[in-house]
N, C-alpha and C. Protein backbone atom coordinates (compact mmCIF):
# COMPACT_ATOMS: atom_id res chain seq x y z
N MET A 1 109.39 113.35 -70.10
CA MET A 1 108.62 114.13 -69.28
C MET A 1 109.09 114.27 -68.06
N THR A 2 108.46 115.51 -67.50
CA THR A 2 109.27 115.78 -66.31
C THR A 2 108.49 114.93 -65.27
N THR A 3 108.92 115.04 -63.83
CA THR A 3 108.51 114.04 -62.97
C THR A 3 107.36 114.84 -62.11
N ASP A 4 107.36 116.00 -62.01
CA ASP A 4 106.49 117.02 -61.48
C ASP A 4 105.06 117.20 -62.36
N ASP A 5 104.07 116.38 -61.91
CA ASP A 5 103.16 116.91 -62.78
C ASP A 5 101.95 117.80 -62.40
N PRO A 6 102.05 118.84 -63.14
CA PRO A 6 101.51 120.43 -62.77
C PRO A 6 100.16 119.95 -62.51
N ARG A 7 99.46 118.98 -62.96
CA ARG A 7 97.99 119.03 -62.96
C ARG A 7 97.69 118.40 -61.59
N GLU A 8 98.79 117.90 -60.53
CA GLU A 8 98.46 117.83 -59.38
C GLU A 8 98.44 119.10 -58.34
N ASP A 9 98.92 120.30 -59.15
CA ASP A 9 98.66 121.66 -58.27
C ASP A 9 97.32 122.07 -58.54
N PRO A 10 96.78 122.37 -57.29
CA PRO A 10 95.53 122.65 -57.55
C PRO A 10 95.14 124.08 -58.23
N HIS A 11 96.38 124.80 -58.28
CA HIS A 11 96.24 126.21 -58.78
C HIS A 11 96.47 126.45 -60.24
N VAL A 12 97.15 125.15 -60.70
CA VAL A 12 97.33 125.00 -62.16
C VAL A 12 95.97 124.93 -63.34
N VAL A 13 95.79 125.78 -64.35
CA VAL A 13 95.01 125.83 -65.23
C VAL A 13 95.11 124.87 -66.26
N THR A 14 94.32 123.82 -66.60
CA THR A 14 94.75 122.86 -67.58
C THR A 14 93.33 122.85 -68.54
N VAL A 15 94.26 123.06 -69.98
CA VAL A 15 93.30 123.02 -70.92
C VAL A 15 93.90 121.88 -72.16
N GLU A 16 92.99 120.97 -72.60
CA GLU A 16 93.55 120.01 -73.60
C GLU A 16 92.61 120.20 -74.82
N HIS A 17 93.35 119.61 -75.98
CA HIS A 17 92.45 119.95 -77.53
C HIS A 17 93.29 118.50 -78.10
N ARG A 18 92.10 117.97 -78.68
CA ARG A 18 92.13 116.78 -79.32
C ARG A 18 92.11 117.18 -80.94
N THR A 19 93.30 116.82 -81.54
CA THR A 19 93.46 117.35 -83.05
C THR A 19 93.81 115.99 -84.00
N SER A 20 93.60 116.26 -85.11
CA SER A 20 93.95 115.32 -86.27
C SER A 20 95.31 115.50 -86.58
N ALA A 21 95.74 116.51 -86.33
CA ALA A 21 97.40 116.62 -86.44
C ALA A 21 98.33 115.89 -86.03
N THR A 22 99.40 115.09 -86.60
CA THR A 22 99.96 114.17 -85.92
C THR A 22 101.13 114.84 -84.77
N PRO A 23 101.59 114.10 -83.65
CA PRO A 23 102.11 114.64 -82.72
C PRO A 23 103.62 115.20 -83.57
N ASP A 24 103.96 114.61 -84.41
CA ASP A 24 105.37 115.24 -84.94
C ASP A 24 104.82 116.90 -86.05
N ALA A 25 103.66 117.06 -86.49
CA ALA A 25 103.29 118.13 -86.88
C ALA A 25 103.01 119.05 -85.81
N VAL A 26 102.41 118.59 -84.73
CA VAL A 26 102.65 119.69 -83.58
C VAL A 26 104.22 120.17 -83.13
N TRP A 27 104.70 119.39 -82.92
CA TRP A 27 106.17 119.67 -82.30
C TRP A 27 106.94 120.35 -83.55
N ARG A 28 106.68 120.19 -84.67
CA ARG A 28 107.24 121.08 -86.06
C ARG A 28 106.83 122.59 -85.53
N VAL A 29 105.85 122.98 -85.07
CA VAL A 29 105.08 124.26 -84.68
C VAL A 29 105.76 124.57 -83.74
N LEU A 30 105.71 123.95 -82.33
CA LEU A 30 106.60 124.32 -81.10
C LEU A 30 107.95 124.39 -81.16
N ALA A 31 108.68 123.61 -82.21
CA ALA A 31 110.06 123.95 -82.27
C ALA A 31 110.72 124.80 -82.99
N ASP A 32 109.66 125.40 -83.86
CA ASP A 32 110.05 126.81 -84.58
C ASP A 32 109.59 128.27 -83.78
N GLY A 33 110.32 128.47 -83.20
CA GLY A 33 110.34 129.85 -82.14
C GLY A 33 109.79 131.00 -83.07
N TRP A 34 109.96 130.96 -84.28
CA TRP A 34 109.60 132.10 -85.09
C TRP A 34 107.88 132.13 -85.13
N LEU A 35 107.38 130.96 -84.80
CA LEU A 35 106.02 130.80 -84.94
C LEU A 35 105.34 131.17 -83.65
N TYR A 36 105.92 131.28 -82.65
CA TYR A 36 105.53 131.64 -81.28
C TYR A 36 104.20 132.61 -81.32
N ALA A 37 104.19 133.69 -81.81
CA ALA A 37 103.30 134.86 -82.00
C ALA A 37 102.20 134.23 -82.75
N ALA A 38 102.12 133.65 -83.27
CA ALA A 38 101.18 132.72 -84.34
C ALA A 38 100.16 132.09 -83.77
N TRP A 39 100.71 131.47 -82.87
CA TRP A 39 99.61 130.73 -81.79
C TRP A 39 99.68 130.94 -80.25
N VAL A 40 100.31 131.94 -79.80
CA VAL A 40 100.20 132.01 -78.35
C VAL A 40 99.49 133.79 -78.50
N VAL A 41 98.34 133.49 -77.84
CA VAL A 41 97.58 134.72 -77.47
C VAL A 41 98.24 135.32 -76.86
N GLY A 42 98.26 136.82 -77.17
CA GLY A 42 98.84 138.00 -76.57
C GLY A 42 99.95 138.30 -77.02
N ALA A 43 100.67 137.41 -77.73
CA ALA A 43 101.89 137.82 -78.36
C ALA A 43 101.46 138.39 -79.48
N SER A 44 102.73 139.44 -79.78
CA SER A 44 102.21 140.08 -81.14
C SER A 44 103.22 140.10 -82.14
N ARG A 45 104.47 139.84 -81.55
CA ARG A 45 105.52 139.63 -82.28
C ARG A 45 106.51 138.88 -82.05
N VAL A 46 107.54 138.19 -82.95
CA VAL A 46 108.97 137.62 -82.21
C VAL A 46 110.05 138.68 -82.93
N ARG A 47 110.80 138.97 -82.08
CA ARG A 47 112.21 139.64 -82.11
C ARG A 47 113.23 138.95 -82.61
N ASP A 48 113.49 137.93 -81.85
CA ASP A 48 114.49 137.07 -81.92
C ASP A 48 114.20 135.56 -81.41
N VAL A 49 115.15 134.57 -81.89
CA VAL A 49 115.09 133.26 -80.98
C VAL A 49 116.31 132.91 -81.22
N ASP A 50 116.97 132.44 -79.85
CA ASP A 50 118.35 131.91 -79.32
C ASP A 50 118.28 130.53 -80.51
N ALA A 51 119.70 130.43 -80.68
CA ALA A 51 120.10 129.44 -81.59
C ALA A 51 119.69 128.38 -80.74
N GLY A 52 119.40 127.05 -81.46
CA GLY A 52 119.35 125.91 -80.61
C GLY A 52 117.74 125.68 -79.91
N TRP A 53 117.17 126.77 -80.24
CA TRP A 53 115.45 126.59 -79.36
C TRP A 53 114.96 125.39 -80.11
N PRO A 54 114.26 124.39 -79.05
CA PRO A 54 113.79 124.60 -77.92
C PRO A 54 114.78 124.03 -77.01
N ALA A 55 116.03 124.05 -76.87
CA ALA A 55 116.85 123.53 -75.86
C ALA A 55 116.83 124.00 -74.53
N VAL A 56 116.90 123.24 -73.27
CA VAL A 56 116.84 123.82 -71.92
C VAL A 56 117.61 125.29 -72.05
N ASP A 57 117.05 126.50 -71.41
CA ASP A 57 117.62 127.81 -71.40
C ASP A 57 117.92 128.52 -72.46
N THR A 58 117.12 127.93 -73.60
CA THR A 58 117.08 128.95 -74.84
C THR A 58 115.89 129.95 -74.61
N ARG A 59 115.72 131.20 -75.41
CA ARG A 59 114.70 132.17 -75.38
C ARG A 59 114.42 132.63 -76.72
N ILE A 60 112.85 132.74 -76.42
CA ILE A 60 112.22 133.60 -77.55
C ILE A 60 112.00 135.08 -77.12
N HIS A 61 112.38 136.09 -77.64
CA HIS A 61 112.33 137.30 -77.50
C HIS A 61 111.15 137.75 -78.23
N HIS A 62 110.22 138.05 -77.15
CA HIS A 62 108.83 138.23 -78.02
C HIS A 62 108.28 139.98 -77.50
N SER A 63 107.50 140.19 -78.00
CA SER A 63 106.44 141.66 -77.55
C SER A 63 105.12 141.12 -77.17
N VAL A 64 104.38 141.53 -76.29
CA VAL A 64 103.02 141.56 -75.79
C VAL A 64 102.56 142.77 -76.07
N GLY A 65 101.09 142.65 -76.26
CA GLY A 65 100.36 143.56 -76.38
C GLY A 65 99.70 144.25 -77.83
N LEU A 66 99.50 145.44 -77.59
CA LEU A 66 98.90 146.04 -79.03
C LEU A 66 99.75 147.31 -79.45
N TRP A 67 99.92 147.61 -80.64
CA TRP A 67 100.88 148.70 -81.13
C TRP A 67 100.08 149.53 -80.75
N PRO A 68 100.44 151.03 -80.00
CA PRO A 68 101.98 151.21 -79.98
C PRO A 68 102.61 150.79 -78.67
N LEU A 69 101.59 150.25 -77.88
CA LEU A 69 101.71 149.73 -76.62
C LEU A 69 102.21 148.19 -76.28
N LEU A 70 103.29 148.21 -76.79
CA LEU A 70 103.99 146.94 -76.66
C LEU A 70 105.39 147.00 -75.54
N ILE A 71 105.13 145.67 -74.86
CA ILE A 71 105.91 145.29 -73.92
C ILE A 71 107.04 144.06 -74.58
N ASN A 72 108.36 144.58 -74.41
CA ASN A 72 109.40 143.52 -75.00
C ASN A 72 109.81 142.82 -73.83
N ASP A 73 109.89 141.02 -74.00
CA ASP A 73 109.76 140.52 -72.83
C ASP A 73 110.55 139.00 -73.68
N THR A 74 110.31 138.06 -72.60
CA THR A 74 111.20 137.14 -73.07
C THR A 74 110.27 135.51 -72.71
N THR A 75 110.52 134.48 -73.08
CA THR A 75 109.87 133.04 -72.78
C THR A 75 111.28 132.31 -73.00
N HIS A 76 111.50 131.27 -71.68
CA HIS A 76 112.64 130.59 -71.82
C HIS A 76 112.08 128.94 -71.51
N VAL A 77 112.89 128.44 -72.31
CA VAL A 77 112.73 126.61 -71.71
C VAL A 77 113.40 126.19 -70.45
N LEU A 78 112.41 125.74 -69.76
CA LEU A 78 112.70 125.14 -68.30
C LEU A 78 113.10 123.47 -68.82
N ALA A 79 112.31 122.98 -69.64
CA ALA A 79 112.60 121.48 -69.47
C ALA A 79 112.07 120.88 -71.19
N VAL A 80 112.43 120.25 -71.44
CA VAL A 80 112.16 119.58 -72.90
C VAL A 80 112.49 118.23 -73.08
N THR A 81 111.44 117.52 -73.35
CA THR A 81 111.42 115.95 -74.43
C THR A 81 111.00 116.12 -75.55
N PRO A 82 111.77 116.04 -76.69
CA PRO A 82 111.34 116.27 -78.01
C PRO A 82 110.06 115.44 -78.26
N HIS A 83 109.31 116.22 -79.16
CA HIS A 83 107.58 115.39 -79.56
C HIS A 83 107.01 115.06 -78.47
N GLU A 84 107.33 115.34 -77.12
CA GLU A 84 106.09 115.10 -75.79
C GLU A 84 106.23 116.22 -75.14
N GLU A 85 107.13 116.90 -74.77
CA GLU A 85 106.73 118.49 -73.47
C GLU A 85 107.67 119.30 -73.76
N LEU A 86 107.04 120.56 -73.56
CA LEU A 86 107.77 121.64 -73.56
C LEU A 86 107.74 122.26 -72.52
N VAL A 87 108.35 122.85 -71.35
CA VAL A 87 108.25 123.44 -70.31
C VAL A 87 108.70 124.95 -70.37
N LEU A 88 107.63 125.79 -70.17
CA LEU A 88 108.26 127.53 -70.35
C LEU A 88 108.21 128.09 -69.02
N THR A 89 108.94 129.41 -69.15
CA THR A 89 108.62 130.26 -68.20
C THR A 89 108.53 131.52 -69.22
N ALA A 90 107.04 132.05 -69.12
CA ALA A 90 106.39 132.97 -69.99
C ALA A 90 106.72 134.36 -68.69
N LYS A 91 107.23 135.23 -69.68
CA LYS A 91 107.04 136.69 -68.89
C LYS A 91 106.36 137.57 -69.63
N ALA A 92 105.69 138.24 -69.05
CA ALA A 92 104.88 139.24 -69.44
C ALA A 92 104.52 140.23 -68.58
N TRP A 93 105.14 141.18 -68.17
CA TRP A 93 105.54 142.27 -67.43
C TRP A 93 104.44 143.44 -68.04
N PRO A 94 103.82 144.17 -67.09
CA PRO A 94 103.68 143.92 -65.63
C PRO A 94 102.68 142.89 -64.88
N VAL A 95 101.91 141.97 -65.89
CA VAL A 95 101.29 140.88 -65.65
C VAL A 95 102.13 140.08 -64.53
N GLY A 96 103.28 139.68 -64.87
CA GLY A 96 104.17 139.00 -63.88
C GLY A 96 104.57 137.76 -64.87
N VAL A 97 104.93 136.26 -64.38
CA VAL A 97 105.52 135.31 -64.83
C VAL A 97 104.57 134.26 -64.82
N ALA A 98 104.67 133.29 -65.85
CA ALA A 98 103.54 132.05 -65.86
C ALA A 98 104.91 130.82 -66.20
N ARG A 99 104.33 129.92 -65.52
CA ARG A 99 104.94 128.40 -65.88
C ARG A 99 103.86 127.74 -66.82
N VAL A 100 104.33 127.20 -67.93
CA VAL A 100 103.61 126.82 -68.86
C VAL A 100 104.10 125.72 -69.35
N ALA A 101 103.34 124.45 -69.53
CA ALA A 101 103.89 123.31 -69.64
C ALA A 101 102.78 122.66 -71.03
N ILE A 102 103.47 122.17 -72.45
CA ILE A 102 102.80 121.90 -73.04
C ILE A 102 103.01 120.50 -73.43
N THR A 103 102.28 119.52 -73.40
CA THR A 103 102.40 118.06 -73.58
C THR A 103 101.73 117.39 -74.76
N ILE A 104 102.19 116.45 -75.45
CA ILE A 104 101.69 116.27 -76.96
C ILE A 104 101.41 114.73 -76.59
N GLU A 105 100.09 114.09 -76.63
CA GLU A 105 99.79 112.63 -76.12
C GLU A 105 99.45 112.07 -77.33
N PRO A 106 100.26 110.92 -78.23
CA PRO A 106 99.61 110.52 -79.39
C PRO A 106 98.51 109.48 -79.07
N VAL A 107 97.59 109.74 -80.01
CA VAL A 107 96.33 109.06 -80.08
C VAL A 107 96.12 108.27 -81.47
N ASP A 108 95.28 107.31 -81.55
CA ASP A 108 95.04 106.48 -83.02
C ASP A 108 94.86 107.73 -84.27
N ASP A 109 94.23 108.81 -83.94
CA ASP A 109 94.01 109.47 -85.18
C ASP A 109 94.57 110.98 -85.22
N GLY A 110 95.89 111.32 -84.41
CA GLY A 110 96.32 112.31 -84.15
C GLY A 110 97.18 112.30 -82.81
N CYS A 111 96.49 113.68 -82.03
CA CYS A 111 97.11 113.62 -80.91
C CYS A 111 96.26 114.24 -80.07
N ILE A 112 96.40 114.53 -78.49
CA ILE A 112 95.97 115.37 -77.52
C ILE A 112 96.93 116.38 -77.17
N ILE A 113 96.80 117.65 -77.46
CA ILE A 113 97.57 118.79 -76.71
C ILE A 113 97.30 119.26 -75.63
N ARG A 114 97.91 119.45 -74.46
CA ARG A 114 97.82 119.79 -73.22
C ARG A 114 98.58 121.04 -72.67
N MET A 115 97.93 121.81 -72.35
CA MET A 115 98.53 123.06 -71.86
C MET A 115 97.98 123.05 -70.47
N ASP A 116 98.91 123.30 -69.54
CA ASP A 116 99.06 123.39 -68.13
C ASP A 116 99.72 124.75 -67.78
N GLU A 117 98.97 125.88 -67.25
CA GLU A 117 99.41 127.00 -66.82
C GLU A 117 99.18 127.68 -65.50
N ASP A 118 100.36 128.47 -64.90
CA ASP A 118 99.67 129.31 -63.76
C ASP A 118 100.82 130.53 -63.53
N ALA A 119 100.40 131.23 -62.98
CA ALA A 119 101.14 132.23 -62.90
C ALA A 119 102.64 131.60 -61.59
N SER A 120 103.40 132.42 -61.74
CA SER A 120 104.71 131.65 -60.86
C SER A 120 105.32 132.99 -60.21
N SER A 121 105.06 134.05 -60.67
CA SER A 121 105.49 135.07 -59.85
C SER A 121 105.22 136.39 -60.47
N GLY A 122 104.88 137.56 -59.55
CA GLY A 122 104.13 138.78 -60.02
C GLY A 122 102.97 138.88 -59.51
N PRO A 123 102.44 139.92 -60.02
CA PRO A 123 101.04 140.39 -59.50
C PRO A 123 99.71 139.10 -59.72
N GLY A 124 100.05 138.63 -61.13
CA GLY A 124 99.51 137.53 -61.01
C GLY A 124 99.04 136.20 -60.06
N MET A 125 99.98 136.36 -59.10
CA MET A 125 99.82 135.22 -58.06
C MET A 125 98.80 135.63 -57.03
N VAL A 126 98.46 137.09 -57.06
CA VAL A 126 97.57 137.45 -55.85
C VAL A 126 96.23 137.08 -56.14
N LEU A 127 96.10 137.17 -57.73
CA LEU A 127 94.34 136.76 -58.08
C LEU A 127 94.14 135.65 -57.78
N PRO A 128 92.86 135.30 -57.18
CA PRO A 128 92.32 134.13 -56.89
C PRO A 128 92.29 133.26 -58.21
N LYS A 129 92.42 131.80 -57.69
CA LYS A 129 92.23 130.73 -58.67
C LYS A 129 91.05 130.85 -59.70
N LEU A 130 89.90 131.10 -59.26
CA LEU A 130 88.65 131.45 -60.29
C LEU A 130 89.16 132.63 -61.29
N VAL A 131 89.29 133.53 -60.64
CA VAL A 131 89.63 134.69 -61.64
C VAL A 131 90.66 134.25 -62.71
N ARG A 132 92.16 133.68 -62.09
CA ARG A 132 92.80 133.03 -62.93
C ARG A 132 92.56 132.05 -64.22
N GLN A 133 91.53 131.43 -63.58
CA GLN A 133 91.16 130.41 -64.64
C GLN A 133 90.21 130.87 -65.85
N ALA A 134 89.51 132.17 -65.45
CA ALA A 134 88.62 132.75 -65.93
C ALA A 134 89.36 133.46 -67.30
N LEU A 135 90.79 133.55 -66.61
CA LEU A 135 91.30 134.49 -67.75
C LEU A 135 92.21 133.79 -68.40
N ILE A 136 93.28 132.63 -67.80
CA ILE A 136 93.87 131.82 -68.69
C ILE A 136 93.13 130.74 -69.56
N ALA A 137 92.43 130.08 -69.09
CA ALA A 137 91.72 129.11 -69.88
C ALA A 137 91.06 129.36 -71.28
N PRO A 138 90.26 130.27 -71.54
CA PRO A 138 89.75 130.83 -72.79
C PRO A 138 91.09 130.95 -73.32
N ARG A 139 91.83 131.49 -72.90
CA ARG A 139 93.13 132.15 -73.74
C ARG A 139 93.98 131.06 -74.39
N ASN A 140 94.14 130.03 -73.35
CA ASN A 140 94.77 128.68 -73.58
C ASN A 140 94.12 128.14 -74.76
N ARG A 141 92.98 128.02 -74.46
CA ARG A 141 91.78 127.10 -75.47
C ARG A 141 92.12 127.67 -76.91
N GLU A 142 92.15 128.78 -77.19
CA GLU A 142 92.47 129.47 -78.27
C GLU A 142 93.75 129.33 -78.78
N ALA A 143 94.98 129.47 -78.00
CA ALA A 143 96.15 129.09 -78.45
C ALA A 143 96.33 127.51 -78.86
N LEU A 144 95.77 126.85 -78.29
CA LEU A 144 95.84 125.17 -78.76
C LEU A 144 94.77 125.25 -80.37
N ARG A 145 93.92 126.09 -80.29
CA ARG A 145 93.08 126.03 -81.61
C ARG A 145 94.20 126.31 -82.78
N ARG A 146 94.72 127.35 -82.36
CA ARG A 146 95.94 128.26 -83.19
C ARG A 146 97.07 127.26 -83.65
N LEU A 147 97.36 126.63 -82.66
CA LEU A 147 98.61 125.67 -82.43
C LEU A 147 98.04 124.37 -83.85
N GLU A 148 96.94 124.04 -83.51
CA GLU A 148 96.48 122.69 -84.14
C GLU A 148 96.71 123.30 -85.65
N LEU A 149 95.97 124.64 -86.07
CA LEU A 149 95.85 124.75 -87.54
C LEU A 149 97.09 124.93 -88.02
N LEU A 150 98.12 125.48 -87.36
CA LEU A 150 99.47 125.77 -88.01
C LEU A 150 100.08 124.47 -88.05
N ALA A 151 99.86 123.46 -87.11
CA ALA A 151 100.34 122.11 -87.60
C ALA A 151 99.48 121.18 -88.54
N LEU A 152 98.42 121.45 -88.53
CA LEU A 152 97.76 120.87 -90.00
C LEU A 152 98.00 121.47 -91.11
N GLY A 153 98.30 122.96 -91.12
CA GLY A 153 98.70 123.69 -92.50
C GLY A 153 100.27 123.09 -92.83
N ARG A 154 101.20 122.60 -91.73
CA ARG A 154 102.29 122.30 -92.07
C ARG A 154 102.70 120.87 -92.30
N SER A 155 101.75 120.25 -92.01
CA SER A 155 101.93 118.49 -92.10
C SER A 155 101.62 118.09 -93.86
């Protein structure tokens, strides 16, 4: 796990989802970069995945938006603890760049998946926290539901 707990930052939006999916099943979805657009809300397609994903500094080359108004961008790995945590920098210009930390906490009947996110650069930084929360939290709740469904389907 990283030493900096993003939940200590008052600007980070945290959502969590308890699932009966095993931590290993959730990790397998996260570790398959080709599934990124299937669970990340707003990602419309994956164009390429660097060999070695999800190693530090590897990237997913994706597009965001709706066809024909697609923006090609990347998401790259800042830190990883396999089966526990994946920390990403997600780009989606012109909105900006976000730091996203996904953690998997085992519990008796499955796991808790937690996603911490906030803008790290770009126009999203100027939005007040309440506005960012109103945009980020519902999207990330849906992303975690999608992640759960993929994990359950692959277990």
